[in-house]
């Protein structure tokens, strides 16, 4: 399944972040916080571009991954040399999602320069295989890690063990109930 893409880890960055239900705020009811998240995400990608990163890998999950893919696609207008790589754990991963997320998935998939499928179908461990693949191909991870257990925490811990730079854009006040 792995496509032979000539990676240059020194110039490749991947994304890892929460799905919408684990963000710590209701992105539909508190759109201000989603705007802040996306502004911070865009700034982190621009910073990576300033550091000469040109390839960005998204895991294509709902939430942070798809928002990151959309930001890269938008920035390609300004920086046409940027490449988006979709690392998918298995074929059909979006088939049971809500229409909003399926449409976002399709736009990201169509806007990508490369795609990599880690499996033909869902298998136990396929998400970890995807996360490992992304980290192994990168020297930087732009993440939204709010400390909850799950795939993002796993990916960030794996990246730290490998010496990959983490750029965590999570802020502790991303919720109306927790603002100072």
N, C-alpha and C. Protein backbone atom coordinates (compact mmCIF):
# COMPACT_ATOMS: atom_id res chain seq x y z
N UNK A 1 0.80 -1.20 0.00
CA UNK A 1 0.00 0.00 0.00
C UNK A 1 0.85 1.26 0.00
N UNK A 2 2.04 1.19 0.53
CA UNK A 2 2.85 2.39 0.65
C UNK A 2 3.33 2.84 -0.72
N UNK A 3 3.06 4.07 -1.03
CA UNK A 3 3.47 4.66 -2.29
C UNK A 3 4.90 5.15 -2.12
N UNK A 4 5.71 4.97 -3.14
CA UNK A 4 7.09 5.41 -3.07
C UNK A 4 7.15 6.91 -3.37
N UNK A 5 7.03 7.70 -2.31
CA UNK A 5 7.10 9.16 -2.43
C UNK A 5 8.48 9.56 -1.94
N UNK A 6 9.21 10.31 -2.75
CA UNK A 6 10.58 10.69 -2.35
C UNK A 6 10.57 11.71 -1.21
N UNK A 7 10.42 11.21 0.02
CA UNK A 7 10.35 12.11 1.17
C UNK A 7 11.69 12.71 1.51
N UNK A 8 11.63 13.86 2.06
CA UNK A 8 12.77 14.55 2.63
C UNK A 8 12.34 14.94 4.04
N UNK A 9 12.56 14.06 5.03
CA UNK A 9 12.06 14.35 6.38
C UNK A 9 12.47 15.71 6.93
N UNK A 10 13.61 16.21 6.52
CA UNK A 10 14.05 17.52 7.01
C UNK A 10 13.11 18.64 6.57
N UNK A 11 12.32 18.40 5.54
CA UNK A 11 11.39 19.41 5.02
C UNK A 11 9.95 18.92 5.02
N UNK A 12 9.68 17.88 5.84
CA UNK A 12 8.34 17.31 5.91
C UNK A 12 7.79 17.45 7.33
N UNK A 13 6.54 17.88 7.40
CA UNK A 13 5.85 18.12 8.66
C UNK A 13 4.53 17.37 8.62
N UNK A 14 4.13 16.77 9.73
CA UNK A 14 2.82 16.13 9.77
C UNK A 14 1.95 16.78 10.85
N UNK A 15 0.68 16.42 10.83
CA UNK A 15 -0.29 16.99 11.76
C UNK A 15 -0.87 15.89 12.64
N UNK A 16 -1.18 16.25 13.87
CA UNK A 16 -1.89 15.34 14.76
C UNK A 16 -2.73 16.18 15.71
N UNK A 17 -4.00 15.85 15.80
CA UNK A 17 -4.87 16.61 16.69
C UNK A 17 -6.18 15.91 16.92
N UNK A 18 -6.96 16.48 17.79
CA UNK A 18 -8.19 15.86 18.26
C UNK A 18 -9.28 15.84 17.20
N UNK A 19 -10.11 14.83 17.34
CA UNK A 19 -11.36 14.81 16.61
C UNK A 19 -12.29 15.81 17.30
N UNK A 20 -13.35 16.23 16.64
CA UNK A 20 -14.17 17.33 17.17
C UNK A 20 -14.70 17.08 18.59
N UNK A 21 -15.08 15.86 18.89
CA UNK A 21 -15.67 15.57 20.20
C UNK A 21 -14.66 15.62 21.34
N UNK A 22 -13.37 15.67 21.03
CA UNK A 22 -12.34 15.70 22.08
C UNK A 22 -11.62 17.06 22.16
N UNK A 23 -12.13 18.06 21.46
CA UNK A 23 -11.47 19.36 21.45
C UNK A 23 -11.52 20.08 22.79
N UNK A 24 -12.57 19.84 23.56
CA UNK A 24 -12.73 20.58 24.81
C UNK A 24 -13.64 21.79 24.65
N UNK A 25 -14.13 21.99 23.44
CA UNK A 25 -15.13 23.03 23.18
C UNK A 25 -16.03 22.53 22.06
N UNK A 26 -17.23 23.08 22.01
CA UNK A 26 -18.18 22.71 20.97
C UNK A 26 -17.94 23.63 19.77
N UNK A 27 -17.26 23.11 18.77
CA UNK A 27 -16.85 23.93 17.63
C UNK A 27 -18.03 24.49 16.85
N UNK A 28 -19.21 23.87 16.97
CA UNK A 28 -20.38 24.39 16.27
C UNK A 28 -21.08 25.48 17.08
N UNK A 29 -21.06 25.37 18.40
CA UNK A 29 -21.72 26.36 19.26
C UNK A 29 -20.77 27.47 19.70
N UNK A 30 -19.49 27.20 19.65
CA UNK A 30 -18.48 28.19 20.05
C UNK A 30 -17.53 28.44 18.87
N UNK A 31 -18.07 28.98 17.76
CA UNK A 31 -17.24 29.13 16.56
C UNK A 31 -16.03 30.04 16.76
N UNK A 32 -16.09 30.91 17.74
CA UNK A 32 -14.94 31.78 18.02
C UNK A 32 -13.69 30.93 18.28
N UNK A 33 -13.85 29.86 19.06
CA UNK A 33 -12.69 29.04 19.41
C UNK A 33 -12.17 28.26 18.21
N UNK A 34 -13.07 27.86 17.32
CA UNK A 34 -12.61 27.22 16.09
C UNK A 34 -11.84 28.23 15.24
N UNK A 35 -12.31 29.47 15.18
CA UNK A 35 -11.58 30.51 14.45
C UNK A 35 -10.19 30.72 15.03
N UNK A 36 -10.08 30.73 16.36
CA UNK A 36 -8.78 30.89 17.02
C UNK A 36 -7.89 29.70 16.69
N UNK A 37 -8.45 28.49 16.80
CA UNK A 37 -7.68 27.28 16.47
C UNK A 37 -7.14 27.35 15.05
N UNK A 38 -8.02 27.70 14.11
CA UNK A 38 -7.60 27.75 12.70
C UNK A 38 -6.59 28.86 12.45
N UNK A 39 -6.72 29.98 13.13
CA UNK A 39 -5.73 31.06 13.01
C UNK A 39 -4.38 30.58 13.53
N UNK A 40 -4.39 29.91 14.68
CA UNK A 40 -3.15 29.37 15.25
C UNK A 40 -2.56 28.30 14.34
N UNK A 41 -3.40 27.47 13.77
CA UNK A 41 -2.95 26.42 12.86
C UNK A 41 -2.30 27.03 11.62
N UNK A 42 -2.96 28.01 11.04
CA UNK A 42 -2.41 28.70 9.86
C UNK A 42 -1.06 29.34 10.18
N UNK A 43 -0.95 29.96 11.36
CA UNK A 43 0.31 30.59 11.77
C UNK A 43 1.40 29.53 11.96
N UNK A 44 1.06 28.38 12.51
CA UNK A 44 2.05 27.31 12.71
C UNK A 44 2.53 26.76 11.37
N UNK A 45 1.62 26.63 10.41
CA UNK A 45 2.01 26.16 9.07
C UNK A 45 2.90 27.20 8.40
N UNK A 46 2.52 28.47 8.49
CA UNK A 46 3.36 29.54 7.92
C UNK A 46 4.75 29.54 8.56
N UNK A 47 4.81 29.33 9.87
CA UNK A 47 6.11 29.26 10.55
C UNK A 47 6.93 28.10 9.99
N UNK A 48 6.28 26.96 9.79
CA UNK A 48 6.99 25.81 9.22
C UNK A 48 7.48 26.13 7.81
N UNK A 49 6.67 26.82 7.03
CA UNK A 49 7.10 27.23 5.68
C UNK A 49 8.31 28.16 5.78
N UNK A 50 8.29 29.07 6.74
CA UNK A 50 9.44 29.96 6.95
C UNK A 50 10.70 29.16 7.30
N UNK A 51 10.51 28.01 7.94
CA UNK A 51 11.64 27.13 8.29
C UNK A 51 11.99 26.16 7.15
N UNK A 52 11.40 26.40 5.97
CA UNK A 52 11.65 25.65 4.74
C UNK A 52 10.99 24.27 4.69
N UNK A 53 9.92 24.08 5.46
CA UNK A 53 9.10 22.87 5.28
C UNK A 53 8.24 23.08 4.05
N UNK A 54 8.12 22.05 3.25
CA UNK A 54 7.32 22.18 2.03
C UNK A 54 6.34 21.02 1.83
N UNK A 55 6.51 19.95 2.60
CA UNK A 55 5.60 18.80 2.52
C UNK A 55 4.86 18.66 3.83
N UNK A 56 3.56 18.48 3.73
CA UNK A 56 2.71 18.38 4.91
C UNK A 56 1.86 17.12 4.79
N UNK A 57 1.89 16.32 5.84
CA UNK A 57 1.15 15.05 5.84
C UNK A 57 -0.02 15.16 6.81
N UNK A 58 -1.20 14.86 6.31
CA UNK A 58 -2.40 14.82 7.14
C UNK A 58 -2.89 13.39 7.25
N UNK A 59 -3.39 13.04 8.44
CA UNK A 59 -3.94 11.71 8.66
C UNK A 59 -5.40 11.59 8.25
N UNK A 60 -6.02 12.69 7.82
CA UNK A 60 -7.35 12.73 7.22
C UNK A 60 -8.50 12.36 8.17
N UNK A 61 -8.27 12.42 9.47
CA UNK A 61 -9.37 12.18 10.42
C UNK A 61 -10.21 13.44 10.57
N UNK A 62 -11.45 13.26 11.04
CA UNK A 62 -12.33 14.40 11.28
C UNK A 62 -11.67 15.35 12.28
N UNK A 63 -11.93 16.62 12.13
CA UNK A 63 -11.41 17.62 13.06
C UNK A 63 -10.08 18.19 12.61
N UNK A 64 -9.13 18.18 13.52
CA UNK A 64 -7.85 18.86 13.31
C UNK A 64 -7.17 18.46 12.01
N UNK A 65 -7.13 17.17 11.69
CA UNK A 65 -6.45 16.71 10.48
C UNK A 65 -7.04 17.34 9.22
N UNK A 66 -8.36 17.35 9.13
CA UNK A 66 -8.99 17.91 7.93
C UNK A 66 -8.90 19.43 7.90
N UNK A 67 -8.97 20.07 9.07
CA UNK A 67 -8.77 21.53 9.09
C UNK A 67 -7.35 21.87 8.65
N UNK A 68 -6.38 21.07 9.08
CA UNK A 68 -4.99 21.30 8.68
C UNK A 68 -4.83 21.12 7.17
N UNK A 69 -5.43 20.07 6.62
CA UNK A 69 -5.36 19.85 5.17
C UNK A 69 -5.94 21.04 4.43
N UNK A 70 -7.06 21.54 4.90
CA UNK A 70 -7.70 22.69 4.25
C UNK A 70 -6.79 23.92 4.31
N UNK A 71 -6.12 24.13 5.42
CA UNK A 71 -5.21 25.28 5.53
C UNK A 71 -4.04 25.15 4.56
N UNK A 72 -3.49 23.94 4.42
CA UNK A 72 -2.38 23.75 3.47
C UNK A 72 -2.87 24.04 2.05
N UNK A 73 -4.03 23.52 1.69
CA UNK A 73 -4.58 23.76 0.35
C UNK A 73 -4.77 25.26 0.12
N UNK A 74 -5.30 25.96 1.12
CA UNK A 74 -5.47 27.42 0.99
C UNK A 74 -4.13 28.13 0.83
N UNK A 75 -3.12 27.70 1.58
CA UNK A 75 -1.80 28.34 1.50
C UNK A 75 -1.06 28.02 0.20
N UNK A 76 -1.47 26.97 -0.50
CA UNK A 76 -0.83 26.64 -1.78
C UNK A 76 -1.04 27.74 -2.82
N UNK A 77 -2.07 28.55 -2.66
CA UNK A 77 -2.26 29.68 -3.57
C UNK A 77 -1.12 30.68 -3.44
N UNK A 78 -0.67 30.87 -2.22
CA UNK A 78 0.43 31.79 -1.93
C UNK A 78 1.80 31.12 -2.09
N UNK A 79 1.85 29.84 -1.75
CA UNK A 79 3.10 29.07 -1.80
C UNK A 79 2.86 27.82 -2.66
N UNK A 80 2.90 27.96 -3.99
CA UNK A 80 2.55 26.83 -4.86
C UNK A 80 3.48 25.63 -4.74
N UNK A 81 4.63 25.79 -4.11
CA UNK A 81 5.57 24.67 -3.97
C UNK A 81 5.17 23.72 -2.83
N UNK A 82 4.19 24.11 -2.01
CA UNK A 82 3.78 23.25 -0.91
C UNK A 82 3.07 22.00 -1.44
N UNK A 83 3.31 20.89 -0.77
CA UNK A 83 2.67 19.63 -1.15
C UNK A 83 1.88 19.09 0.03
N UNK A 84 0.72 18.53 -0.27
CA UNK A 84 -0.11 17.89 0.73
C UNK A 84 -0.13 16.39 0.46
N UNK A 85 0.14 15.63 1.50
CA UNK A 85 0.14 14.17 1.41
C UNK A 85 -0.93 13.65 2.36
N UNK A 86 -1.83 12.83 1.84
CA UNK A 86 -2.86 12.20 2.66
C UNK A 86 -2.38 10.81 3.07
N UNK A 87 -2.24 10.59 4.37
CA UNK A 87 -1.89 9.27 4.89
C UNK A 87 -3.15 8.69 5.51
N UNK A 88 -3.70 7.69 4.83
CA UNK A 88 -4.98 7.12 5.25
C UNK A 88 -4.77 5.74 5.86
N UNK A 89 -5.39 5.47 7.01
CA UNK A 89 -5.19 4.17 7.64
C UNK A 89 -5.79 3.02 6.84
N UNK A 90 -6.90 3.29 6.11
CA UNK A 90 -7.54 2.24 5.31
C UNK A 90 -8.49 2.88 4.30
N UNK A 91 -8.79 2.13 3.24
CA UNK A 91 -9.76 2.58 2.24
C UNK A 91 -11.15 2.66 2.89
N UNK A 92 -11.88 3.69 2.56
CA UNK A 92 -13.25 3.82 3.03
C UNK A 92 -13.39 4.40 4.43
N UNK A 93 -12.36 5.03 4.94
CA UNK A 93 -12.42 5.50 6.33
C UNK A 93 -13.51 6.54 6.56
N UNK A 94 -13.94 7.26 5.54
CA UNK A 94 -14.94 8.32 5.72
C UNK A 94 -16.36 7.87 5.37
N UNK A 95 -16.54 6.61 5.04
CA UNK A 95 -17.83 6.16 4.50
C UNK A 95 -19.00 6.30 5.47
N UNK A 96 -18.77 6.33 6.76
CA UNK A 96 -19.87 6.43 7.73
C UNK A 96 -19.93 7.79 8.43
N UNK A 97 -19.20 8.75 7.92
CA UNK A 97 -19.18 10.07 8.54
C UNK A 97 -20.39 10.90 8.14
N UNK A 98 -20.62 11.98 8.90
CA UNK A 98 -21.66 12.94 8.56
C UNK A 98 -21.27 13.63 7.24
N UNK A 99 -22.27 14.11 6.48
CA UNK A 99 -21.99 14.75 5.19
C UNK A 99 -20.95 15.88 5.26
N UNK A 100 -21.00 16.71 6.30
CA UNK A 100 -20.05 17.82 6.42
C UNK A 100 -18.62 17.30 6.35
N UNK A 101 -18.33 16.25 7.13
CA UNK A 101 -16.97 15.72 7.19
C UNK A 101 -16.60 14.96 5.92
N UNK A 102 -17.56 14.25 5.32
CA UNK A 102 -17.28 13.55 4.05
C UNK A 102 -16.92 14.55 2.96
N UNK A 103 -17.64 15.67 2.92
CA UNK A 103 -17.34 16.71 1.92
C UNK A 103 -15.95 17.29 2.16
N UNK A 104 -15.61 17.54 3.41
CA UNK A 104 -14.29 18.08 3.72
C UNK A 104 -13.21 17.06 3.36
N UNK A 105 -13.47 15.80 3.65
CA UNK A 105 -12.54 14.72 3.30
C UNK A 105 -12.32 14.70 1.79
N UNK A 106 -13.40 14.79 1.02
CA UNK A 106 -13.30 14.76 -0.44
C UNK A 106 -12.49 15.94 -0.95
N UNK A 107 -12.74 17.13 -0.42
CA UNK A 107 -11.97 18.30 -0.86
C UNK A 107 -10.48 18.14 -0.55
N UNK A 108 -10.16 17.62 0.63
CA UNK A 108 -8.76 17.42 1.00
C UNK A 108 -8.13 16.36 0.10
N UNK A 109 -8.86 15.28 -0.12
CA UNK A 109 -8.36 14.19 -0.96
C UNK A 109 -8.10 14.68 -2.38
N UNK A 110 -9.03 15.45 -2.92
CA UNK A 110 -8.88 15.97 -4.28
C UNK A 110 -7.77 17.01 -4.37
N UNK A 111 -7.50 17.72 -3.29
CA UNK A 111 -6.46 18.75 -3.29
C UNK A 111 -5.07 18.23 -2.97
N UNK A 112 -4.98 16.94 -2.65
CA UNK A 112 -3.69 16.37 -2.25
C UNK A 112 -2.81 16.08 -3.45
N UNK A 113 -1.51 16.15 -3.21
CA UNK A 113 -0.53 15.81 -4.24
C UNK A 113 -0.23 14.32 -4.25
N UNK A 114 -0.33 13.69 -3.09
CA UNK A 114 -0.07 12.26 -2.95
C UNK A 114 -1.04 11.67 -1.94
N UNK A 115 -1.27 10.37 -2.05
CA UNK A 115 -2.04 9.65 -1.04
C UNK A 115 -1.34 8.33 -0.74
N UNK A 116 -1.43 7.95 0.51
CA UNK A 116 -0.83 6.70 0.97
C UNK A 116 -1.88 5.98 1.80
N UNK A 117 -2.21 4.74 1.43
CA UNK A 117 -3.12 3.91 2.22
C UNK A 117 -2.29 2.87 2.95
N UNK A 118 -2.49 2.77 4.25
CA UNK A 118 -1.75 1.80 5.04
C UNK A 118 -2.40 0.42 5.02
N UNK A 119 -3.68 0.35 4.63
CA UNK A 119 -4.38 -0.93 4.57
C UNK A 119 -5.55 -0.83 3.59
N UNK A 120 -5.92 -1.96 3.00
CA UNK A 120 -7.08 -1.99 2.11
C UNK A 120 -8.39 -1.87 2.89
N UNK A 121 -8.38 -2.32 4.15
CA UNK A 121 -9.59 -2.31 4.97
C UNK A 121 -9.19 -2.02 6.41
N UNK A 122 -10.20 -1.77 7.22
CA UNK A 122 -9.92 -1.53 8.63
C UNK A 122 -9.32 -2.78 9.26
N UNK A 123 -8.24 -2.58 9.98
CA UNK A 123 -7.60 -3.64 10.76
C UNK A 123 -7.22 -3.06 12.11
N UNK A 124 -7.24 -3.87 13.16
CA UNK A 124 -6.77 -3.36 14.45
C UNK A 124 -5.34 -2.82 14.30
N UNK A 125 -5.11 -1.66 14.85
CA UNK A 125 -3.78 -1.05 14.79
C UNK A 125 -3.52 -0.21 13.56
N UNK A 126 -4.48 -0.12 12.64
CA UNK A 126 -4.21 0.63 11.40
C UNK A 126 -4.04 2.13 11.65
N UNK A 127 -4.71 2.67 12.67
CA UNK A 127 -4.54 4.09 12.97
C UNK A 127 -3.15 4.35 13.55
N UNK A 128 -2.68 3.46 14.43
CA UNK A 128 -1.31 3.61 14.95
C UNK A 128 -0.28 3.45 13.83
N UNK A 129 -0.54 2.54 12.90
CA UNK A 129 0.38 2.38 11.77
C UNK A 129 0.45 3.67 10.96
N UNK A 130 -0.70 4.30 10.75
CA UNK A 130 -0.75 5.59 10.04
C UNK A 130 0.03 6.65 10.80
N UNK A 131 -0.20 6.73 12.11
CA UNK A 131 0.48 7.73 12.94
C UNK A 131 1.99 7.51 12.92
N UNK A 132 2.41 6.25 13.05
CA UNK A 132 3.85 5.93 13.00
C UNK A 132 4.44 6.34 11.66
N UNK A 133 3.75 6.01 10.59
CA UNK A 133 4.22 6.35 9.25
C UNK A 133 4.45 7.86 9.12
N UNK A 134 3.45 8.64 9.57
CA UNK A 134 3.57 10.10 9.43
C UNK A 134 4.77 10.63 10.21
N UNK A 135 4.95 10.16 11.43
CA UNK A 135 6.06 10.64 12.26
C UNK A 135 7.39 10.20 11.67
N UNK A 136 7.46 8.98 11.17
CA UNK A 136 8.72 8.47 10.60
C UNK A 136 9.14 9.24 9.36
N UNK A 137 8.21 9.87 8.69
CA UNK A 137 8.52 10.62 7.48
C UNK A 137 8.76 12.10 7.74
N UNK A 138 8.66 12.53 9.00
CA UNK A 138 8.67 13.96 9.33
C UNK A 138 9.76 14.31 10.33
N UNK A 139 10.10 15.60 10.35
CA UNK A 139 10.98 16.11 11.40
C UNK A 139 10.26 17.14 12.27
N UNK A 140 8.97 17.35 11.99
CA UNK A 140 8.16 18.29 12.77
C UNK A 140 6.72 17.80 12.79
N UNK A 141 6.07 17.97 13.94
CA UNK A 141 4.64 17.66 14.08
C UNK A 141 3.95 18.92 14.59
N UNK A 142 3.00 19.42 13.82
CA UNK A 142 2.13 20.48 14.31
C UNK A 142 0.94 19.77 14.92
N UNK A 143 0.73 20.00 16.22
CA UNK A 143 -0.30 19.22 16.92
C UNK A 143 -1.22 20.10 17.75
N UNK A 144 -2.33 19.51 18.08
CA UNK A 144 -3.29 20.05 19.03
C UNK A 144 -3.41 18.97 20.09
N UNK A 145 -2.57 19.05 21.12
CA UNK A 145 -2.53 18.03 22.16
C UNK A 145 -2.99 18.65 23.47
N UNK A 146 -4.23 18.35 23.85
CA UNK A 146 -4.79 18.91 25.09
C UNK A 146 -4.60 17.98 26.28
N UNK A 147 -3.80 16.94 26.12
CA UNK A 147 -3.48 16.06 27.23
C UNK A 147 -4.40 14.88 27.42
N UNK A 148 -5.48 14.80 26.63
CA UNK A 148 -6.36 13.65 26.77
C UNK A 148 -5.71 12.43 26.12
N UNK A 149 -6.07 11.26 26.62
CA UNK A 149 -5.51 10.04 26.05
C UNK A 149 -6.11 9.80 24.67
N UNK A 150 -5.38 9.09 23.85
CA UNK A 150 -5.87 8.78 22.51
C UNK A 150 -4.77 8.86 21.48
N UNK A 151 -5.18 8.93 20.23
CA UNK A 151 -4.24 8.90 19.12
C UNK A 151 -3.27 10.06 19.09
N UNK A 152 -3.74 11.26 19.44
CA UNK A 152 -2.84 12.41 19.42
C UNK A 152 -1.77 12.28 20.49
N UNK A 153 -2.17 11.87 21.69
CA UNK A 153 -1.19 11.67 22.77
C UNK A 153 -0.17 10.61 22.35
N UNK A 154 -0.66 9.51 21.76
CA UNK A 154 0.23 8.45 21.29
C UNK A 154 1.23 9.00 20.26
N UNK A 155 0.71 9.73 19.28
CA UNK A 155 1.55 10.26 18.21
C UNK A 155 2.60 11.22 18.76
N UNK A 156 2.20 12.09 19.67
CA UNK A 156 3.15 13.05 20.25
C UNK A 156 4.22 12.34 21.07
N UNK A 157 3.84 11.33 21.83
CA UNK A 157 4.83 10.57 22.61
C UNK A 157 5.80 9.85 21.67
N UNK A 158 5.27 9.27 20.61
CA UNK A 158 6.12 8.58 19.63
C UNK A 158 7.09 9.57 18.98
N UNK A 159 6.58 10.74 18.62
CA UNK A 159 7.43 11.77 18.01
C UNK A 159 8.54 12.20 18.97
N UNK A 160 8.19 12.40 20.23
CA UNK A 160 9.21 12.79 21.22
C UNK A 160 10.29 11.73 21.34
N UNK A 161 9.89 10.45 21.39
CA UNK A 161 10.88 9.37 21.47
C UNK A 161 11.82 9.37 20.27
N UNK A 162 11.32 9.77 19.12
CA UNK A 162 12.13 9.80 17.90
C UNK A 162 12.89 11.11 17.72
N UNK A 163 12.70 12.06 18.62
CA UNK A 163 13.41 13.33 18.52
C UNK A 163 12.80 14.29 17.51
N UNK A 164 11.54 14.09 17.16
CA UNK A 164 10.85 14.94 16.20
C UNK A 164 10.32 16.17 16.95
N UNK A 165 10.47 17.35 16.36
CA UNK A 165 10.01 18.60 16.96
C UNK A 165 8.49 18.63 17.04
N UNK A 166 7.97 19.00 18.22
CA UNK A 166 6.53 19.17 18.40
C UNK A 166 6.20 20.65 18.49
N UNK A 167 5.21 21.06 17.73
CA UNK A 167 4.70 22.43 17.78
C UNK A 167 3.25 22.31 18.23
N UNK A 168 3.02 22.34 19.54
CA UNK A 168 1.68 22.15 20.10
C UNK A 168 0.96 23.49 20.18
N UNK A 169 -0.11 23.63 19.41
CA UNK A 169 -0.83 24.90 19.37
C UNK A 169 -2.01 24.94 20.32
N UNK A 170 -2.19 23.91 21.14
CA UNK A 170 -3.30 23.92 22.10
C UNK A 170 -3.12 25.05 23.10
N UNK A 171 -4.23 25.69 23.42
CA UNK A 171 -4.25 26.73 24.46
C UNK A 171 -5.19 26.25 25.56
N UNK A 172 -4.88 26.51 26.82
CA UNK A 172 -5.72 25.99 27.91
C UNK A 172 -7.10 26.64 28.01
N UNK A 173 -7.33 27.74 27.34
CA UNK A 173 -8.62 28.42 27.48
C UNK A 173 -9.50 28.29 26.23
N UNK A 174 -9.41 27.18 25.54
CA UNK A 174 -10.23 26.98 24.34
C UNK A 174 -11.66 26.56 24.70
N UNK A 175 -12.28 27.23 25.60
CA UNK A 175 -13.66 26.94 25.95
C UNK A 175 -14.20 28.12 26.74
N UNK A 176 -15.46 28.45 26.51
CA UNK A 176 -16.06 29.56 27.25
C UNK A 176 -16.06 29.27 28.74
N UNK A 177 -16.21 28.00 29.12
CA UNK A 177 -16.29 27.65 30.53
C UNK A 177 -14.93 27.69 31.22
N UNK A 178 -13.84 27.71 30.47
CA UNK A 178 -12.52 27.70 31.11
C UNK A 178 -11.72 28.98 30.86
N UNK A 179 -12.37 30.00 30.30
CA UNK A 179 -11.66 31.26 30.07
C UNK A 179 -11.35 31.94 31.39
N UNK A 180 -10.19 32.60 31.48
CA UNK A 180 -9.82 33.30 32.72
C UNK A 180 -10.76 34.46 33.00
